[in-house]
Amino acid sequence: MKKTVKKTITLIVVLLLIFLAGCTKKEESAVVGKAYVGGTQGLAISFLPNLPPNEVFDTDNPFSISVKIENKGEFEVPSGAAIVSITGIRAEDFGVNSNNLLESSAEDMSAVRIDAEGNIVSGGYTTIDFPEMNYAAKVSGSLSFPIRASVCYEYGTNAQGQLCVRKDLRGVTGQAGVCDPNRQVPAENSGAPVQITNIRQNVAGSNKIDFFFTVKQTGTSVDSLFRAGSRCDSALANRDVVFVSVEDPGLGTLTCSGLKDGTATSGYVTLFNGEREIRCSQTITTPEDAITPVKVSLTYGYKQYVDTQLKVKHAE
């Protein structure tokens, strides 16, 4: 009887430990009290294993190239919006034409998101298969070719900050407010390779505040940023261009400087050395002591790549 009771207690303890371990694991994967998952990735691109292989022969040795694209950020990429190109080889040398080395994604890639319970749900992915290739000439010994898969796509970032608004912005009455109108502004960004950083505000008058933020490319340094809709065209007018839109929080008149070809609160900016500061002025029609959200959205074209090597060996 004692042994039976002891075994039962031991079993209960083991089950309890398993349950607690499961709960701990779930909590670690959850995001509580956040607007976004965050991160500095958009799409991730990789070659599928052995596609292409490390080496092939120069006689009747066909092979294929397949690329996986996965959405690691929080912006949905619809079907056809990601374009993958293969460079590093001449198409004719491998028995295909140049059009065969350019393909568009055929599936939607959903964004990473937070579900109702605060758990992170992974983004969607797709694969792109290029036509079968075969090296068309003879080599002496071996030759190595750099294979680069580049992806060009449209992406976006959503950011949210919290502005401090007070009836007594200048502090004339000496009364303590609920927040400091001269401060760094707490902010969050959605997962994306371009982010809003260094948001700050200060008092500019009895009923006016200025706030500033920096648009910054935070992805890998070798990635390229382009004007949205340009399909990653490398003309100077398209390079390092981001469309910025500041949502009016409804406090009064809002204007932002440094934005071109848009409205008082939206337009294009060109980043220099990967960043650009924007200034906005907010007139407050009905002042009150409160925290007010301000939202900024960014849209842009983005290009990144992954490399591998293909060795072509002479067949005896």
C-alpha atoms as a PDB file:
ATOM      1  CA  MET A   1       0.000   0.000   0.000  1.00  0.00           C
ATOM      2  CA  LYS A   2       2.787   2.431   0.921  1.00  0.00           C
ATOM      3  CA  LYS A   3       4.577   1.683  -2.358  1.00  0.00           C
ATOM      4  CA  THR A   4       1.353   2.325  -4.314  1.00  0.00           C
ATOM      5  CA  VAL A   5       0.803   5.664  -2.577  1.00  0.00           C
ATOM      6  CA  LYS A   6       4.452   6.627  -3.160  1.00  0.00           C
ATOM      7  CA  LYS A   7       4.200   5.784  -6.871  1.00  0.00           C
ATOM      8  CA  THR A   8       0.971   7.807  -7.164  1.00  0.00           C
ATOM      9  CA  ILE A   9       2.570  10.850  -5.513  1.00  0.00           C
ATOM     10  CA  THR A  10       5.626  10.531  -7.755  1.00  0.00           C
ATOM     11  CA  LEU A  11       3.398  10.357 -10.863  1.00  0.00           C
ATOM     12  CA  ILE A  12       1.467  13.445  -9.759  1.00  0.00           C
ATOM     13  CA  VAL A  13       4.705  15.371  -9.188  1.00  0.00           C
ATOM     14  CA  VAL A  14       6.036  14.383 -12.632  1.00  0.00           C
ATOM     15  CA  LEU A  15       2.795  15.434 -14.347  1.00  0.00           C
ATOM     16  CA  LEU A  16       2.808  18.723 -12.448  1.00  0.00           C
ATOM     17  CA  LEU A  17       6.382  19.451 -13.550  1.00  0.00           C
ATOM     18  CA  ILE A  18       5.489  18.692 -17.189  1.00  0.00           C
ATOM     19  CA  PHE A  19       2.480  21.007 -16.934  1.00  0.00           C
ATOM     20  CA  LEU A  20       4.567  23.818 -15.424  1.00  0.00           C
ATOM     21  CA  ALA A  21       7.263  23.373 -18.082  1.00  0.00           C
ATOM     22  CA  GLY A  22       4.608  23.641 -20.780  1.00  0.00           C
ATOM     23  CA  CYS A  23       3.228  26.819 -19.235  1.00  0.00           C
ATOM     24  CA  THR A  24       6.704  28.340 -18.983  1.00  0.00           C
ATOM     25  CA  LYS A  25       7.422  27.558 -22.628  1.00  0.00           C
ATOM     26  CA  LYS A  26       4.151  29.176 -23.691  1.00  0.00           C
ATOM     27  CA  GLU A  27       4.877  32.337 -21.705  1.00  0.00           C
ATOM     28  CA  GLU A  28       8.319  32.615 -23.329  1.00  0.00           C
ATOM     29  CA  SER A  29       6.738  32.540 -26.781  1.00  0.00           C
ATOM     30  CA  ALA A  30       4.075  35.091 -25.909  1.00  0.00           C
ATOM     31  CA  VAL A  31       4.131  38.845 -26.390  1.00  0.00           C
ATOM     32  CA  VAL A  32       2.153  40.653 -23.692  1.00  0.00           C
ATOM     33  CA  GLY A  33       1.295  44.361 -23.737  1.00  0.00           C
ATOM     34  CA  LYS A  34       2.989  45.137 -27.058  1.00  0.00           C
ATOM     35  CA  ALA A  35       1.539  46.577 -30.242  1.00  0.00           C
ATOM     36  CA  TYR A  36       4.058  44.789 -32.480  1.00  0.00           C
ATOM     37  CA  VAL A  37       6.388  41.802 -32.471  1.00  0.00           C
ATOM     38  CA  GLY A  38       9.185  44.055 -33.741  1.00  0.00           C
ATOM     39  CA  GLY A  39      12.488  43.191 -35.393  1.00  0.00           C
ATOM     40  CA  THR A  40      14.459  44.498 -38.369  1.00  0.00           C
ATOM     41  CA  GLN A  41      13.690  41.861 -41.008  1.00  0.00           C
ATOM     42  CA  GLY A  42      11.282  41.959 -43.907  1.00  0.00           C
ATOM     43  CA  LEU A  43      11.682  38.939 -46.167  1.00  0.00           C
ATOM     44  CA  ALA A  44      14.353  36.273 -45.668  1.00  0.00           C
ATOM     45  CA  ILE A  45      15.766  34.598 -48.790  1.00  0.00           C
ATOM     46  CA  SER A  46      17.669  31.299 -48.998  1.00  0.00           C
ATOM     47  CA  PHE A  47      18.515  28.527 -51.445  1.00  0.00           C
ATOM     48  CA  LEU A  48      16.814  25.201 -50.856  1.00  0.00           C
ATOM     49  CA  PRO A  49      19.270  22.395 -49.953  1.00  0.00           C
ATOM     50  CA  ASN A  50      21.279  21.179 -52.982  1.00  0.00           C
ATOM     51  CA  LEU A  51      19.371  23.546 -55.316  1.00  0.00           C
ATOM     52  CA  PRO A  52      21.798  24.438 -56.800  1.00  0.00           C
ATOM     53  CA  PRO A  53      24.243  21.661 -55.878  1.00  0.00           C
ATOM     54  CA  ASN A  54      27.791  22.498 -54.850  1.00  0.00           C
ATOM     55  CA  GLU A  55      29.169  21.028 -58.080  1.00  0.00           C
ATOM     56  CA  VAL A  56      28.088  19.593 -61.422  1.00  0.00           C
ATOM     57  CA  PHE A  57      29.841  18.111 -64.466  1.00  0.00           C
ATOM     58  CA  ASP A  58      30.142  19.738 -67.865  1.00  0.00           C
ATOM     59  CA  THR A  59      28.529  16.794 -69.680  1.00  0.00           C
ATOM     60  CA  ASP A  60      24.833  15.918 -69.351  1.00  0.00           C
ATOM     61  CA  ASN A  61      24.454  16.932 -65.717  1.00  0.00           C
ATOM     62  CA  PRO A  62      21.230  18.964 -65.418  1.00  0.00           C
ATOM     63  CA  PHE A  63      20.434  20.787 -62.171  1.00  0.00           C
ATOM     64  CA  SER A  64      17.899  23.228 -60.770  1.00  0.00           C
ATOM     65  CA  ILE A  65      17.831  26.338 -58.594  1.00  0.00           C
ATOM     66  CA  SER A  66      15.069  26.827 -56.030  1.00  0.00           C
ATOM     67  CA  VAL A  67      14.730  29.773 -53.670  1.00  0.00           C
ATOM     68  CA  LYS A  68      12.712  30.011 -50.460  1.00  0.00           C
ATOM     69  CA  ILE A  69      11.283  33.373 -49.401  1.00  0.00           C
ATOM     70  CA  GLU A  70       9.848  33.756 -45.900  1.00  0.00           C
ATOM     71  CA  ASN A  71       8.118  36.777 -44.419  1.00  0.00           C
ATOM     72  CA  LYS A  72       9.862  37.574 -41.118  1.00  0.00           C
ATOM     73  CA  GLY A  73       8.262  41.006 -40.667  1.00  0.00           C
ATOM     74  CA  GLU A  74       4.828  42.474 -40.010  1.00  0.00           C
ATOM     75  CA  PHE A  75       3.802  43.612 -43.479  1.00  0.00           C
ATOM     76  CA  GLU A  76       1.883  41.335 -45.854  1.00  0.00           C
ATOM     77  CA  VAL A  77       3.449  40.704 -49.265  1.00  0.00           C
ATOM     78  CA  PRO A  78       0.809  39.778 -51.869  1.00  0.00           C
ATOM     79  CA  SER A  79       1.261  37.353 -54.719  1.00  0.00           C
ATOM     80  CA  GLY A  80       3.516  38.713 -57.474  1.00  0.00           C
ATOM     81  CA  ALA A  81       4.972  41.503 -55.305  1.00  0.00           C
ATOM     82  CA  ALA A  82       8.325  39.761 -54.736  1.00  0.00           C
ATOM     83  CA  ILE A  83      10.568  39.402 -57.791  1.00  0.00           C
ATOM     84  CA  VAL A  84      13.571  37.052 -57.657  1.00  0.00           C
ATOM     85  CA  SER A  85      16.430  37.222 -60.150  1.00  0.00           C
ATOM     86  CA  ILE A  86      19.440  34.932 -60.596  1.00  0.00           C
ATOM     87  CA  THR A  87      22.753  36.550 -61.533  1.00  0.00           C
ATOM     88  CA  GLY A  88      26.400  35.489 -61.629  1.00  0.00           C
ATOM     89  CA  ILE A  89      25.992  33.266 -64.684  1.00  0.00           C
ATOM     90  CA  ARG A  90      25.209  33.859 -68.366  1.00  0.00           C
ATOM     91  CA  ALA A  91      21.889  32.222 -69.155  1.00  0.00           C
ATOM     92  CA  GLU A  92      23.095  31.009 -72.569  1.00  0.00           C
ATOM     93  CA  ASP A  93      26.042  29.165 -70.981  1.00  0.00           C
ATOM     94  CA  PHE A  94      23.568  27.079 -68.998  1.00  0.00           C
ATOM     95  CA  GLY A  95      21.053  26.325 -71.739  1.00  0.00           C
ATOM     96  CA  VAL A  96      18.334  28.829 -70.783  1.00  0.00           C
ATOM     97  CA  ASN A  97      17.468  32.413 -71.726  1.00  0.00           C
ATOM     98  CA  SER A  98      17.638  35.502 -69.536  1.00  0.00           C
ATOM     99  CA  ASN A  99      13.854  35.550 -68.981  1.00  0.00           C
ATOM    100  CA  ASN A 100      14.164  32.153 -67.287  1.00  0.00           C
ATOM    101  CA  LEU A 101      16.303  33.729 -64.550  1.00  0.00           C
ATOM    102  CA  LEU A 102      13.570  36.153 -63.412  1.00  0.00           C
ATOM    103  CA  GLU A 103      10.502  34.931 -61.533  1.00  0.00           C
ATOM    104  CA  SER A 104       7.742  36.464 -59.371  1.00  0.00           C
ATOM    105  CA  SER A 105       6.257  34.990 -56.214  1.00  0.00           C
ATOM    106  CA  ALA A 106       3.052  33.081 -56.901  1.00  0.00           C
ATOM    107  CA  GLU A 107       1.599  33.111 -53.362  1.00  0.00           C
ATOM    108  CA  ASP A 108       0.653  35.647 -50.709  1.00  0.00           C
ATOM    109  CA  MET A 109       3.110  35.838 -47.793  1.00  0.00           C
ATOM    110  CA  SER A 110       1.190  36.747 -44.649  1.00  0.00           C
ATOM    111  CA  ALA A 111       2.787  38.979 -42.020  1.00  0.00           C
ATOM    112  CA  VAL A 112       4.065  37.871 -38.634  1.00  0.00           C
ATOM    113  CA  ARG A 113       1.390  38.749 -36.086  1.00  0.00           C
ATOM    114  CA  ILE A 114       0.320  38.528 -32.456  1.00  0.00           C
ATOM    115  CA  ASP A 115      -2.829  36.470 -31.879  1.00  0.00           C
ATOM    116  CA  ALA A 116      -5.576  37.172 -29.339  1.00  0.00           C
ATOM    117  CA  GLU A 117      -3.680  35.299 -26.603  1.00  0.00           C
ATOM    118  CA  GLY A 118      -0.452  37.198 -27.209  1.00  0.00           C
ATOM    119  CA  ASN A 119       1.344  34.383 -29.040  1.00  0.00           C
ATOM    120  CA  ILE A 120       3.551  35.064 -32.073  1.00  0.00           C
ATOM    121  CA  VAL A 121       2.223  33.601 -35.329  1.00  0.00           C
ATOM    122  CA  SER A 122       4.887  33.086 -38.014  1.00  0.00           C
ATOM    123  CA  GLY A 123       4.624  34.792 -41.399  1.00  0.00           C
ATOM    124  CA  GLY A 124       4.003  33.021 -44.673  1.00  0.00           C
ATOM    125  CA  TYR A 125       6.550  31.712 -47.140  1.00  0.00           C
ATOM    126  CA  THR A 126       6.822  30.564 -50.724  1.00  0.00           C
ATOM    127  CA  THR A 127       9.344  28.853 -52.987  1.00  0.00           C
ATOM    128  CA  ILE A 128      10.390  29.836 -56.482  1.00  0.00           C
ATOM    129  CA  ASP A 129      11.651  27.145 -58.840  1.00  0.00           C
ATOM    130  CA  PHE A 130      13.764  28.089 -61.843  1.00  0.00           C
ATOM    131  CA  PRO A 131      13.913  25.954 -65.037  1.00  0.00           C
ATOM    132  CA  GLU A 132      16.349  23.052 -65.262  1.00  0.00           C
ATOM    133  CA  MET A 133      19.826  24.074 -66.422  1.00  0.00           C
ATOM    134  CA  ASN A 134      22.805  22.264 -67.918  1.00  0.00           C
ATOM    135  CA  TYR A 135      26.264  23.700 -68.548  1.00  0.00           C
ATOM    136  CA  ALA A 136      26.621  23.774 -72.315  1.00  0.00           C
ATOM    137  CA  ALA A 137      30.405  23.789 -72.838  1.00  0.00           C
ATOM    138  CA  LYS A 138      33.531  21.834 -71.898  1.00  0.00           C
ATOM    139  CA  VAL A 139      35.852  23.038 -69.152  1.00  0.00           C
ATOM    140  CA  SER A 140      39.483  22.270 -68.405  1.00  0.00           C
ATOM    141  CA  GLY A 141      39.682  21.075 -64.832  1.00  0.00           C
ATOM    142  CA  SER A 142      36.934  23.069 -63.163  1.00  0.00           C
ATOM    143  CA  LEU A 143      35.293  26.503 -63.042  1.00  0.00           C
ATOM    144  CA  SER A 144      33.506  28.214 -60.162  1.00  0.00           C
ATOM    145  CA  PHE A 145      30.495  30.466 -60.724  1.00  0.00           C
ATOM    146  CA  PRO A 146      28.959  32.834 -58.155  1.00  0.00           C
ATOM    147  CA  ILE A 147      25.201  32.248 -57.964  1.00  0.00           C
ATOM    148  CA  ARG A 148      23.286  35.180 -56.510  1.00  0.00           C
ATOM    149  CA  ALA A 149      19.551  35.195 -55.857  1.00  0.00           C
ATOM    150  CA  SER A 150      18.198  38.732 -55.361  1.00  0.00           C
ATOM    151  CA  VAL A 151      14.689  39.589 -54.238  1.00  0.00           C
ATOM    152  CA  CYS A 152      13.013  42.944 -54.857  1.00  0.00           C
ATOM    153  CA  TYR A 153       9.750  43.643 -53.043  1.00  0.00           C
ATOM    154  CA  GLU A 154       7.444  46.319 -51.667  1.00  0.00           C
ATOM    155  CA  TYR A 155       7.336  46.597 -47.885  1.00  0.00           C
ATOM    156  CA  GLY A 156       6.102  48.840 -45.109  1.00  0.00           C
ATOM    157  CA  THR A 157       6.571  49.809 -41.478  1.00  0.00           C
ATOM    158  CA  ASN A 158       4.032  50.955 -38.902  1.00  0.00           C
ATOM    159  CA  ALA A 159       5.206  52.832 -35.823  1.00  0.00           C
ATOM    160  CA  GLN A 160       3.368  54.260 -32.835  1.00  0.00           C
ATOM    161  CA  GLY A 161       4.504  56.842 -30.300  1.00  0.00           C
ATOM    162  CA  GLN A 162       2.879  58.552 -27.341  1.00  0.00           C
ATOM    163  CA  LEU A 163       2.761  62.343 -27.273  1.00  0.00           C
ATOM    164  CA  CYS A 164       2.384  64.237 -24.006  1.00  0.00           C
ATOM    165  CA  VAL A 165      -0.281  66.967 -24.106  1.00  0.00           C
ATOM    166  CA  ARG A 166      -0.923  69.426 -21.250  1.00  0.00           C
ATOM    167  CA  LYS A 167      -3.224  72.352 -20.584  1.00  0.00           C
ATOM    168  CA  ASP A 168      -0.241  74.231 -19.152  1.00  0.00           C
ATOM    169  CA  LEU A 169       2.489  73.362 -21.651  1.00  0.00           C
ATOM    170  CA  ARG A 170       4.867  76.066 -20.440  1.00  0.00           C
ATOM    171  CA  GLY A 171       4.476  75.150 -16.778  1.00  0.00           C
ATOM    172  CA  VAL A 172       3.277  78.646 -15.782  1.00  0.00           C
ATOM    173  CA  THR A 173       1.016  77.406 -12.969  1.00  0.00           C
ATOM    174  CA  GLY A 174       3.700  75.182 -11.450  1.00  0.00           C
ATOM    175  CA  GLN A 175       1.202  72.329 -11.217  1.00  0.00           C
ATOM    176  CA  ALA A 176       2.538  68.830 -11.854  1.00  0.00           C
ATOM    177  CA  GLY A 177       1.150  67.222 -15.005  1.00  0.00           C
ATOM    178  CA  VAL A 178       0.589  63.596 -15.898  1.00  0.00           C
ATOM    179  CA  CYS A 179       3.624  63.667 -18.226  1.00  0.00           C
ATOM    180  CA  ASP A 180       6.559  65.799 -19.346  1.00  0.00           C
ATOM    181  CA  PRO A 181       5.991  67.618 -22.686  1.00  0.00           C
ATOM    182  CA  ASN A 182       9.762  67.923 -23.180  1.00  0.00           C
ATOM    183  CA  ARG A 183      10.882  64.317 -23.465  1.00  0.00           C
ATOM    184  CA  GLN A 184      11.919  61.282 -25.450  1.00  0.00           C
ATOM    185  CA  VAL A 185       8.739  59.665 -26.717  1.00  0.00           C
ATOM    186  CA  PRO A 186       8.121  55.941 -26.031  1.00  0.00           C
ATOM    187  CA  ALA A 187       7.569  54.208 -29.366  1.00  0.00           C
ATOM    188  CA  GLU A 188       7.158  50.816 -31.015  1.00  0.00           C
ATOM    189  CA  ASN A 189       7.837  49.650 -34.592  1.00  0.00           C
ATOM    190  CA  SER A 190       6.432  46.758 -36.543  1.00  0.00           C
ATOM    191  CA  GLY A 191       8.986  44.216 -37.737  1.00  0.00           C
ATOM    192  CA  ALA A 192      10.600  45.671 -40.885  1.00  0.00           C
ATOM    193  CA  PRO A 193      14.030  46.694 -42.261  1.00  0.00           C
ATOM    194  CA  VAL A 194      13.251  50.439 -42.023  1.00  0.00           C
ATOM    195  CA  GLN A 195      12.313  51.863 -38.621  1.00  0.00           C
ATOM    196  CA  ILE A 196      11.280  55.033 -36.808  1.00  0.00           C
ATOM    197  CA  THR A 197      13.839  55.892 -34.107  1.00  0.00           C
ATOM    198  CA  ASN A 198      14.672  58.678 -31.660  1.00  0.00           C
ATOM    199  CA  ILE A 199      11.185  60.186 -31.322  1.00  0.00           C
ATOM    200  CA  ARG A 200      11.216  63.232 -29.078  1.00  0.00           C
ATOM    201  CA  GLN A 201       8.988  66.245 -28.394  1.00  0.00           C
ATOM    202  CA  ASN A 202       9.329  69.726 -26.951  1.00  0.00           C
ATOM    203  CA  VAL A 203       7.141  72.715 -26.173  1.00  0.00           C
ATOM    204  CA  ALA A 204       6.985  75.248 -29.011  1.00  0.00           C
ATOM    205  CA  GLY A 205       4.327  77.624 -27.602  1.00  0.00           C
ATOM    206  CA  SER A 206       1.442  77.919 -25.207  1.00  0.00           C
ATOM    207  CA  ASN A 207      -0.674  75.663 -27.445  1.00  0.00           C
ATOM    208  CA  LYS A 208       1.932  74.014 -29.652  1.00  0.00           C
ATOM    209  CA  ILE A 209       4.404  71.151 -29.495  1.00  0.00           C
ATOM    210  CA  ASP A 210       7.030  70.004 -31.964  1.00  0.00           C
ATOM    211  CA  PHE A 211       7.983  66.363 -32.306  1.00  0.00           C
ATOM    212  CA  PHE A 212      10.860  64.846 -34.227  1.00  0.00           C
ATOM    213  CA  PHE A 213      11.644  61.345 -35.433  1.00  0.00           C
ATOM    214  CA  THR A 214      14.324  59.663 -37.527  1.00  0.00           C
ATOM    215  CA  VAL A 215      13.588  57.353 -40.452  1.00  0.00           C
ATOM    216  CA  LYS A 216      16.393  54.795 -40.399  1.00  0.00           C
ATOM    217  CA  GLN A 217      17.349  51.784 -42.501  1.00  0.00           C
ATOM    218  CA  THR A 218      18.059  49.083 -39.929  1.00  0.00           C
ATOM    219  CA  GLY A 219      18.346  45.992 -42.129  1.00  0.00           C
ATOM    220  CA  THR A 220      21.626  44.450 -43.297  1.00  0.00           C
ATOM    221  CA  SER A 221      24.092  47.036 -44.601  1.00  0.00           C
ATOM    222  CA  VAL A 222      24.351  45.390 -48.043  1.00  0.00           C
ATOM    223  CA  ASP A 223      20.600  45.636 -48.638  1.00  0.00           C
ATOM    224  CA  SER A 224      19.252  48.379 -50.924  1.00  0.00           C
ATOM    225  CA  LEU A 225      16.363  50.778 -50.399  1.00  0.00           C
ATOM    226  CA  PHE A 226      14.247  52.194 -53.245  1.00  0.00           C
ATOM    227  CA  ARG A 227      11.209  54.350 -53.948  1.00  0.00           C
ATOM    228  CA  ALA A 228       7.971  52.358 -53.685  1.00  0.00           C
ATOM    229  CA  GLY A 229       6.676  51.351 -57.121  1.00  0.00           C
ATOM    230  CA  SER A 230      10.082  51.645 -58.818  1.00  0.00           C
ATOM    231  CA  ARG A 231      10.655  47.853 -58.917  1.00  0.00           C
ATOM    232  CA  CYS A 232      14.115  48.541 -57.456  1.00  0.00           C
ATOM    233  CA  ASP A 233      15.169  50.671 -60.412  1.00  0.00           C
ATOM    234  CA  SER A 234      18.635  52.022 -59.577  1.00  0.00           C
ATOM    235  CA  ALA A 235      18.177  55.525 -61.035  1.00  0.00           C
ATOM    236  CA  LEU A 236      19.395  58.183 -58.587  1.00  0.00           C
ATOM    237  CA  ALA A 237      15.855  59.551 -58.086  1.00  0.00           C
ATOM    238  CA  ASN A 238      14.723  56.141 -56.794  1.00  0.00           C
ATOM    239  CA  ARG A 239      17.547  55.246 -54.428  1.00  0.00           C
ATOM    240  CA  ASP A 240      17.169  55.496 -50.626  1.00  0.00           C
ATOM    241  CA  VAL A 241      13.658  56.982 -50.936  1.00  0.00           C
ATOM    242  CA  VAL A 242      10.900  56.306 -48.378  1.00  0.00           C
ATOM    243  CA  PHE A 243       7.284  57.477 -48.387  1.00  0.00           C
ATOM    244  CA  VAL A 244       6.347  58.790 -44.932  1.00  0.00           C
ATOM    245  CA  SER A 245       2.810  59.346 -43.669  1.00  0.00           C
ATOM    246  CA  VAL A 246       2.016  60.804 -40.226  1.00  0.00           C
ATOM    247  CA  GLU A 247      -1.531  60.142 -39.053  1.00  0.00           C
ATOM    248  CA  ASP A 248      -3.267  63.240 -37.682  1.00  0.00           C
ATOM    249  CA  PRO A 249      -4.051  62.554 -33.983  1.00  0.00           C
ATOM    250  CA  GLY A 250      -6.953  65.030 -34.085  1.00  0.00           C
ATOM    251  CA  LEU A 251      -5.553  67.592 -31.662  1.00  0.00           C
ATOM    252  CA  GLY A 252      -5.595  70.522 -34.099  1.00  0.00           C
ATOM    253  CA  THR A 253      -3.462  71.544 -37.083  1.00  0.00           C
ATOM    254  CA  LEU A 254      -0.561  69.196 -37.852  1.00  0.00           C
ATOM    255  CA  THR A 255       2.203  69.972 -40.357  1.00  0.00           C
ATOM    256  CA  CYS A 256       5.460  68.150 -41.091  1.00  0.00           C
ATOM    257  CA  SER A 257       8.529  69.542 -42.857  1.00  0.00           C
ATOM    258  CA  GLY A 258      10.965  67.758 -45.175  1.00  0.00           C
ATOM    259  CA  LEU A 259       8.304  65.744 -47.009  1.00  0.00           C
ATOM    260  CA  LYS A 260       8.038  66.131 -50.797  1.00  0.00           C
ATOM    261  CA  ASP A 261       5.304  65.472 -53.374  1.00  0.00           C
ATOM    262  CA  GLY A 262       2.605  64.733 -50.820  1.00  0.00           C
ATOM    263  CA  THR A 263       0.491  66.589 -48.281  1.00  0.00           C
ATOM    264  CA  ALA A 264       1.146  68.567 -45.093  1.00  0.00           C
ATOM    265  CA  THR A 265       1.661  65.282 -43.241  1.00  0.00           C
ATOM    266  CA  SER A 266       2.940  62.884 -45.926  1.00  0.00           C
ATOM    267  CA  GLY A 267       5.471  62.680 -48.721  1.00  0.00           C
ATOM    268  CA  TYR A 268       8.811  61.285 -49.867  1.00  0.00           C
ATOM    269  CA  VAL A 269      12.158  61.658 -48.121  1.00  0.00           C
ATOM    270  CA  THR A 270      15.627  60.605 -49.242  1.00  0.00           C
ATOM    271  CA  LEU A 271      17.831  59.024 -46.601  1.00  0.00           C
ATOM    272  CA  PHE A 272      21.468  60.105 -46.282  1.00  0.00           C
ATOM    273  CA  ASN A 273      23.868  57.589 -44.761  1.00  0.00           C
ATOM    274  CA  GLY A 274      20.849  55.441 -44.044  1.00  0.00           C
ATOM    275  CA  GLU A 275      18.724  57.938 -42.094  1.00  0.00           C
ATOM    276  CA  ARG A 276      16.733  61.195 -42.158  1.00  0.00           C
ATOM    277  CA  GLU A 277      15.111  63.307 -39.441  1.00  0.00           C
ATOM    278  CA  ILE A 278      11.558  64.640 -39.827  1.00  0.00           C
ATOM    279  CA  ARG A 279      10.017  67.494 -37.821  1.00  0.00           C
ATOM    280  CA  CYS A 280       6.297  67.907 -37.185  1.00  0.00           C
ATOM    281  CA  SER A 281       4.467  70.801 -35.484  1.00  0.00           C
ATOM    282  CA  GLN A 282       1.208  70.134 -33.663  1.00  0.00           C
ATOM    283  CA  THR A 283      -1.144  72.970 -32.712  1.00  0.00           C
ATOM    284  CA  ILE A 284      -3.480  71.953 -29.882  1.00  0.00           C
ATOM    285  CA  THR A 285      -6.989  73.354 -30.220  1.00  0.00           C
ATOM    286  CA  THR A 286      -8.434  72.025 -26.955  1.00  0.00           C
ATOM    287  CA  PRO A 287      -5.578  71.384 -24.526  1.00  0.00           C
ATOM    288  CA  GLU A 288      -5.952  68.814 -21.752  1.00  0.00           C
ATOM    289  CA  ASP A 289      -3.601  66.703 -19.672  1.00  0.00           C
ATOM    290  CA  ALA A 290      -3.338  63.414 -21.578  1.00  0.00           C
ATOM    291  CA  ILE A 291      -1.186  60.938 -23.455  1.00  0.00           C
ATOM    292  CA  THR A 292      -2.134  60.852 -27.143  1.00  0.00           C
ATOM    293  CA  PRO A 293      -0.970  58.193 -29.630  1.00  0.00           C
ATOM    294  CA  VAL A 294       0.662  59.333 -32.873  1.00  0.00           C
ATOM    295  CA  LYS A 295       1.122  56.870 -35.736  1.00  0.00           C
ATOM    296  CA  VAL A 296       3.646  56.924 -38.578  1.00  0.00           C
ATOM    297  CA  SER A 297       3.674  54.600 -41.591  1.00  0.00           C
ATOM    298  CA  LEU A 298       6.473  54.040 -44.106  1.00  0.00           C
ATOM    299  CA  THR A 299       6.372  52.411 -47.539  1.00  0.00           C
ATOM    300  CA  TYR A 300       9.345  51.592 -49.752  1.00  0.00           C
ATOM    301  CA  GLY A 301      10.932  49.125 -52.128  1.00  0.00           C
ATOM    302  CA  TYR A 302      13.602  46.815 -50.752  1.00  0.00           C
ATOM    303  CA  LYS A 303      16.236  44.569 -52.312  1.00  0.00           C
ATOM    304  CA  GLN A 304      18.448  41.929 -50.720  1.00  0.00           C
ATOM    305  CA  TYR A 305      20.356  38.867 -51.852  1.00  0.00           C
ATOM    306  CA  VAL A 306      21.949  35.567 -50.922  1.00  0.00           C
ATOM    307  CA  ASP A 307      25.051  34.032 -52.552  1.00  0.00           C
ATOM    308  CA  THR A 308      26.394  30.548 -53.139  1.00  0.00           C
ATOM    309  CA  GLN A 309      29.047  28.936 -55.355  1.00  0.00           C
ATOM    310  CA  LEU A 310      28.583  26.425 -58.182  1.00  0.00           C
ATOM    311  CA  LYS A 311      31.595  24.445 -59.381  1.00  0.00           C
ATOM    312  CA  VAL A 312      31.495  22.950 -62.892  1.00  0.00           C
ATOM    313  CA  LYS A 313      33.928  20.053 -63.253  1.00  0.00           C
ATOM    314  CA  HIS A 314      35.214  18.374 -66.398  1.00  0.00           C
ATOM    315  CA  ALA A 315      33.783  14.910 -66.930  1.00  0.00           C
ATOM    316  CA  GLU A 316      36.385  12.337 -67.946  1.00  0.00           C
END
